Amino acid sequence: MTTIAANLEQMSADSKVVVGDSHYPAAKIFRFPGMIVGVSGEGRAMGDFLRWVKEGLPETIPNIEEHQGSFRALVLTPDGLFEYDESFWPEKVNRNFAAIGTGAHAALAAMMLGQSTENAVAIACQIDNNTGGPVDTLKLAESKRKRK
């Protein structure tokens, strides 16, 4: 499925998308004005969330219940880290890092031990069957994507 890890400076994600018995690489973190967004979960629900972000976070939120899908998103802004779910309500993360997805526990443990977001996702790639490389990283202060 996914592992996305972030601190207050950058966000990293694996690129393995699992569909049934197959998988392929795809981007899971995206840059929007003033923020980096990482998404994990059901494709249609994630698409609705990303379109909502692209439209500037309008008051009217999409009704994703009709899709029967769920998702989690991490949003990194200069004001901090926020986690979203199907409610589209931002919950501020009150620590300097966070992780979502099937490899989140491995990534969180790695970051608690001082690893970077990139290394945390790389470690999750070795532990979680639904997480795989390459690892993409976006820095909040830069516009370039780094792939490791």
C-alpha atoms as a PDB file:
ATOM      1  CA  MET A   1       0.000   0.000   0.000  1.00  0.00           C
ATOM      2  CA  THR A   2       2.216   2.853   1.157  1.00  0.00           C
ATOM      3  CA  THR A   3       4.638   4.404   3.586  1.00  0.00           C
ATOM      4  CA  ILE A   4       4.828   8.182   3.848  1.00  0.00           C
ATOM      5  CA  ALA A   5       7.027   9.847   6.454  1.00  0.00           C
ATOM      6  CA  ALA A   6       7.463  13.549   7.161  1.00  0.00           C
ATOM      7  CA  ASN A   7       9.227  15.887   9.507  1.00  0.00           C
ATOM      8  CA  LEU A   8       8.949  19.673   9.636  1.00  0.00           C
ATOM      9  CA  GLU A   9      11.322  20.073   6.667  1.00  0.00           C
ATOM     10  CA  GLN A  10      10.508  17.324   4.171  1.00  0.00           C
ATOM     11  CA  MET A  11       8.300  14.414   3.197  1.00  0.00           C
ATOM     12  CA  SER A  12       9.323  11.032   1.758  1.00  0.00           C
ATOM     13  CA  ALA A  13       7.254   8.222   0.261  1.00  0.00           C
ATOM     14  CA  ASP A  14       7.710   4.848  -1.301  1.00  0.00           C
ATOM     15  CA  SER A  15       6.544   4.439  -4.887  1.00  0.00           C
ATOM     16  CA  LYS A  16       5.027   0.920  -4.893  1.00  0.00           C
ATOM     17  CA  VAL A  17       1.335   0.761  -5.765  1.00  0.00           C
ATOM     18  CA  VAL A  18      -0.207  -2.652  -5.171  1.00  0.00           C
ATOM     19  CA  VAL A  19      -3.264  -3.701  -7.176  1.00  0.00           C
ATOM     20  CA  GLY A  20      -4.364  -7.293  -6.667  1.00  0.00           C
ATOM     21  CA  ASP A  21      -1.439  -9.553  -7.531  1.00  0.00           C
ATOM     22  CA  SER A  22       0.580  -6.897  -9.332  1.00  0.00           C
ATOM     23  CA  HIS A  23       2.266  -3.608  -8.550  1.00  0.00           C
ATOM     24  CA  TYR A  24       3.762  -0.607 -10.319  1.00  0.00           C
ATOM     25  CA  PRO A  25       5.666   2.559  -9.338  1.00  0.00           C
ATOM     26  CA  ALA A  26       3.849   5.891  -8.940  1.00  0.00           C
ATOM     27  CA  ALA A  27       4.208   9.217  -7.108  1.00  0.00           C
ATOM     28  CA  LYS A  28       2.541   9.496  -3.700  1.00  0.00           C
ATOM     29  CA  ILE A  29       3.768  12.938  -2.621  1.00  0.00           C
ATOM     30  CA  PHE A  30       2.887  16.160  -4.396  1.00  0.00           C
ATOM     31  CA  ARG A  31       3.803  19.839  -4.183  1.00  0.00           C
ATOM     32  CA  PHE A  32       1.085  22.471  -4.045  1.00  0.00           C
ATOM     33  CA  PRO A  33       1.546  26.183  -3.295  1.00  0.00           C
ATOM     34  CA  GLY A  34       2.899  26.435   0.254  1.00  0.00           C
ATOM     35  CA  MET A  35       2.609  22.726   1.039  1.00  0.00           C
ATOM     36  CA  ILE A  36       3.614  19.156   0.343  1.00  0.00           C
ATOM     37  CA  VAL A  37       0.867  16.521   0.378  1.00  0.00           C
ATOM     38  CA  GLY A  38       1.274  12.758   0.736  1.00  0.00           C
ATOM     39  CA  VAL A  39      -1.659  10.379   0.278  1.00  0.00           C
ATOM     40  CA  SER A  40      -2.327   6.749   1.148  1.00  0.00           C
ATOM     41  CA  GLY A  41      -5.436   4.652   0.636  1.00  0.00           C
ATOM     42  CA  GLU A  42      -8.138   4.029  -1.952  1.00  0.00           C
ATOM     43  CA  GLY A  43      -7.396   5.691  -5.292  1.00  0.00           C
ATOM     44  CA  ARG A  44     -10.709   7.464  -5.905  1.00  0.00           C
ATOM     45  CA  ALA A  45     -10.841   8.916  -2.385  1.00  0.00           C
ATOM     46  CA  MET A  46      -7.231  10.111  -2.690  1.00  0.00           C
ATOM     47  CA  GLY A  47      -8.030  11.688  -6.047  1.00  0.00           C
ATOM     48  CA  ASP A  48     -10.967  13.596  -4.556  1.00  0.00           C
ATOM     49  CA  PHE A  49      -8.731  14.845  -1.737  1.00  0.00           C
ATOM     50  CA  LEU A  50      -5.950  15.934  -4.121  1.00  0.00           C
ATOM     51  CA  ARG A  51      -8.454  17.774  -6.354  1.00  0.00           C
ATOM     52  CA  TRP A  52      -9.819  19.530  -3.248  1.00  0.00           C
ATOM     53  CA  VAL A  53      -6.285  20.599  -2.263  1.00  0.00           C
ATOM     54  CA  LYS A  54      -5.569  21.753  -5.838  1.00  0.00           C
ATOM     55  CA  GLU A  55      -8.725  23.904  -5.711  1.00  0.00           C
ATOM     56  CA  GLY A  56      -7.321  25.696  -2.643  1.00  0.00           C
ATOM     57  CA  LEU A  57      -9.093  23.804   0.200  1.00  0.00           C
ATOM     58  CA  PRO A  58     -12.569  25.270  -0.423  1.00  0.00           C
ATOM     59  CA  GLU A  59     -15.227  25.178   2.318  1.00  0.00           C
ATOM     60  CA  THR A  60     -17.299  22.666   0.390  1.00  0.00           C
ATOM     61  CA  ILE A  61     -15.675  19.268   0.760  1.00  0.00           C
ATOM     62  CA  PRO A  62     -16.175  16.322  -1.577  1.00  0.00           C
ATOM     63  CA  ASN A  63     -18.556  13.560  -0.517  1.00  0.00           C
ATOM     64  CA  ILE A  64     -16.320  10.515  -0.726  1.00  0.00           C
ATOM     65  CA  GLU A  65     -18.735   8.202   1.099  1.00  0.00           C
ATOM     66  CA  GLU A  66     -20.281   7.311  -2.258  1.00  0.00           C
ATOM     67  CA  HIS A  67     -16.924   5.795  -3.265  1.00  0.00           C
ATOM     68  CA  GLN A  68     -16.801   3.503  -0.214  1.00  0.00           C
ATOM     69  CA  GLY A  69     -13.124   4.392   0.009  1.00  0.00           C
ATOM     70  CA  SER A  70     -10.842   5.577   2.722  1.00  0.00           C
ATOM     71  CA  PHE A  71      -7.579   7.482   2.740  1.00  0.00           C
ATOM     72  CA  ARG A  72      -5.074   9.221   4.957  1.00  0.00           C
ATOM     73  CA  ALA A  73      -3.058  12.260   4.003  1.00  0.00           C
ATOM     74  CA  LEU A  74      -0.113  14.090   5.518  1.00  0.00           C
ATOM     75  CA  VAL A  75       0.145  17.783   4.717  1.00  0.00           C
ATOM     76  CA  LEU A  76       3.369  19.648   5.476  1.00  0.00           C
ATOM     77  CA  THR A  77       3.156  23.455   5.596  1.00  0.00           C
ATOM     78  CA  PRO A  78       5.310  26.157   7.190  1.00  0.00           C
ATOM     79  CA  ASP A  79       2.791  25.997  10.086  1.00  0.00           C
ATOM     80  CA  GLY A  80       3.508  22.318  10.759  1.00  0.00           C
ATOM     81  CA  LEU A  81       2.331  18.816   9.949  1.00  0.00           C
ATOM     82  CA  PHE A  82      -1.351  17.947   9.577  1.00  0.00           C
ATOM     83  CA  GLU A  83      -3.110  14.618   9.094  1.00  0.00           C
ATOM     84  CA  TYR A  84      -6.376  14.284   7.183  1.00  0.00           C
ATOM     85  CA  ASP A  85      -8.894  11.472   6.739  1.00  0.00           C
ATOM     86  CA  GLU A  86     -12.306  11.161   5.090  1.00  0.00           C
ATOM     87  CA  SER A  87     -13.656  14.008   7.238  1.00  0.00           C
ATOM     88  CA  PHE A  88     -11.315  16.434   5.426  1.00  0.00           C
ATOM     89  CA  TRP A  89     -10.647  17.980   8.857  1.00  0.00           C
ATOM     90  CA  PRO A  90      -7.002  18.878   9.549  1.00  0.00           C
ATOM     91  CA  GLU A  91      -5.568  17.444  12.729  1.00  0.00           C
ATOM     92  CA  LYS A  92      -2.285  19.044  13.717  1.00  0.00           C
ATOM     93  CA  VAL A  93       0.433  16.561  14.622  1.00  0.00           C
ATOM     94  CA  ASN A  94       1.965  17.724  17.900  1.00  0.00           C
ATOM     95  CA  ARG A  95       5.451  16.354  17.324  1.00  0.00           C
ATOM     96  CA  ASN A  96       8.157  16.987  14.762  1.00  0.00           C
ATOM     97  CA  PHE A  97       7.418  13.945  12.578  1.00  0.00           C
ATOM     98  CA  ALA A  98       4.632  11.625  11.441  1.00  0.00           C
ATOM     99  CA  ALA A  99       4.018   8.638   9.179  1.00  0.00           C
ATOM    100  CA  ILE A 100       1.016   7.024   7.499  1.00  0.00           C
ATOM    101  CA  GLY A 101       0.378   3.856   5.515  1.00  0.00           C
ATOM    102  CA  THR A 102       1.011   0.169   6.035  1.00  0.00           C
ATOM    103  CA  GLY A 103       4.666   0.786   6.877  1.00  0.00           C
ATOM    104  CA  ALA A 104       3.971   3.684   9.253  1.00  0.00           C
ATOM    105  CA  HIS A 105       4.979   1.821  12.418  1.00  0.00           C
ATOM    106  CA  ALA A 106       8.386   0.911  10.997  1.00  0.00           C
ATOM    107  CA  ALA A 107       8.931   4.468   9.742  1.00  0.00           C
ATOM    108  CA  LEU A 108       7.868   6.015  13.060  1.00  0.00           C
ATOM    109  CA  ALA A 109      10.233   3.737  14.995  1.00  0.00           C
ATOM    110  CA  ALA A 110      13.084   4.664  12.660  1.00  0.00           C
ATOM    111  CA  MET A 111      12.419   8.396  13.058  1.00  0.00           C
ATOM    112  CA  MET A 112      12.205   7.992  16.844  1.00  0.00           C
ATOM    113  CA  LEU A 113      15.730   6.609  16.614  1.00  0.00           C
ATOM    114  CA  GLY A 114      16.889   9.689  14.686  1.00  0.00           C
ATOM    115  CA  GLN A 115      16.600   8.506  11.079  1.00  0.00           C
ATOM    116  CA  SER A 116      15.680  10.905   8.266  1.00  0.00           C
ATOM    117  CA  THR A 117      12.346  10.570   6.486  1.00  0.00           C
ATOM    118  CA  GLU A 118      14.148   8.993   3.510  1.00  0.00           C
ATOM    119  CA  ASN A 119      15.854   6.385   5.664  1.00  0.00           C
ATOM    120  CA  ALA A 120      12.640   5.727   7.593  1.00  0.00           C
ATOM    121  CA  VAL A 121      10.775   4.887   4.380  1.00  0.00           C
ATOM    122  CA  ALA A 122      13.737   2.827   3.111  1.00  0.00           C
ATOM    123  CA  ILE A 123      13.608   0.817   6.354  1.00  0.00           C
ATOM    124  CA  ALA A 124       9.852   0.322   5.926  1.00  0.00           C
ATOM    125  CA  CYS A 125      10.572  -0.980   2.397  1.00  0.00           C
ATOM    126  CA  GLN A 126      12.586  -3.782   4.001  1.00  0.00           C
ATOM    127  CA  ILE A 127       9.843  -4.670   6.512  1.00  0.00           C
ATOM    128  CA  ASP A 128       6.455  -4.034   4.860  1.00  0.00           C
ATOM    129  CA  ASN A 129       5.531  -6.099   1.775  1.00  0.00           C
ATOM    130  CA  ASN A 130       3.255  -3.306   0.557  1.00  0.00           C
ATOM    131  CA  THR A 131       6.042  -0.713   0.568  1.00  0.00           C
ATOM    132  CA  GLY A 132       8.726  -0.552  -2.101  1.00  0.00           C
ATOM    133  CA  GLY A 133      11.236   1.766  -3.711  1.00  0.00           C
ATOM    134  CA  PRO A 134      12.428   3.896  -5.075  1.00  0.00           C
ATOM    135  CA  VAL A 135      11.859   6.467  -2.324  1.00  0.00           C
ATOM    136  CA  ASP A 136      10.813   9.987  -3.356  1.00  0.00           C
ATOM    137  CA  THR A 137      11.518  13.038  -1.187  1.00  0.00           C
ATOM    138  CA  LEU A 138      10.280  16.624  -1.419  1.00  0.00           C
ATOM    139  CA  LYS A 139      11.675  19.390   0.758  1.00  0.00           C
ATOM    140  CA  LEU A 140       9.308  22.136   1.864  1.00  0.00           C
ATOM    141  CA  ALA A 141      11.863  24.842   1.044  1.00  0.00           C
ATOM    142  CA  GLU A 142      12.848  23.432  -2.383  1.00  0.00           C
ATOM    143  CA  SER A 143      11.036  22.620  -5.578  1.00  0.00           C
ATOM    144  CA  LYS A 144      13.079  19.579  -6.674  1.00  0.00           C
ATOM    145  CA  ARG A 145      12.055  15.961  -6.171  1.00  0.00           C
ATOM    146  CA  LYS A 146      14.821  13.680  -4.941  1.00  0.00           C
ATOM    147  CA  ARG A 147      14.642   9.980  -5.765  1.00  0.00           C
ATOM    148  CA  LYS A 148      16.788   7.453  -3.910  1.00  0.00           C
END
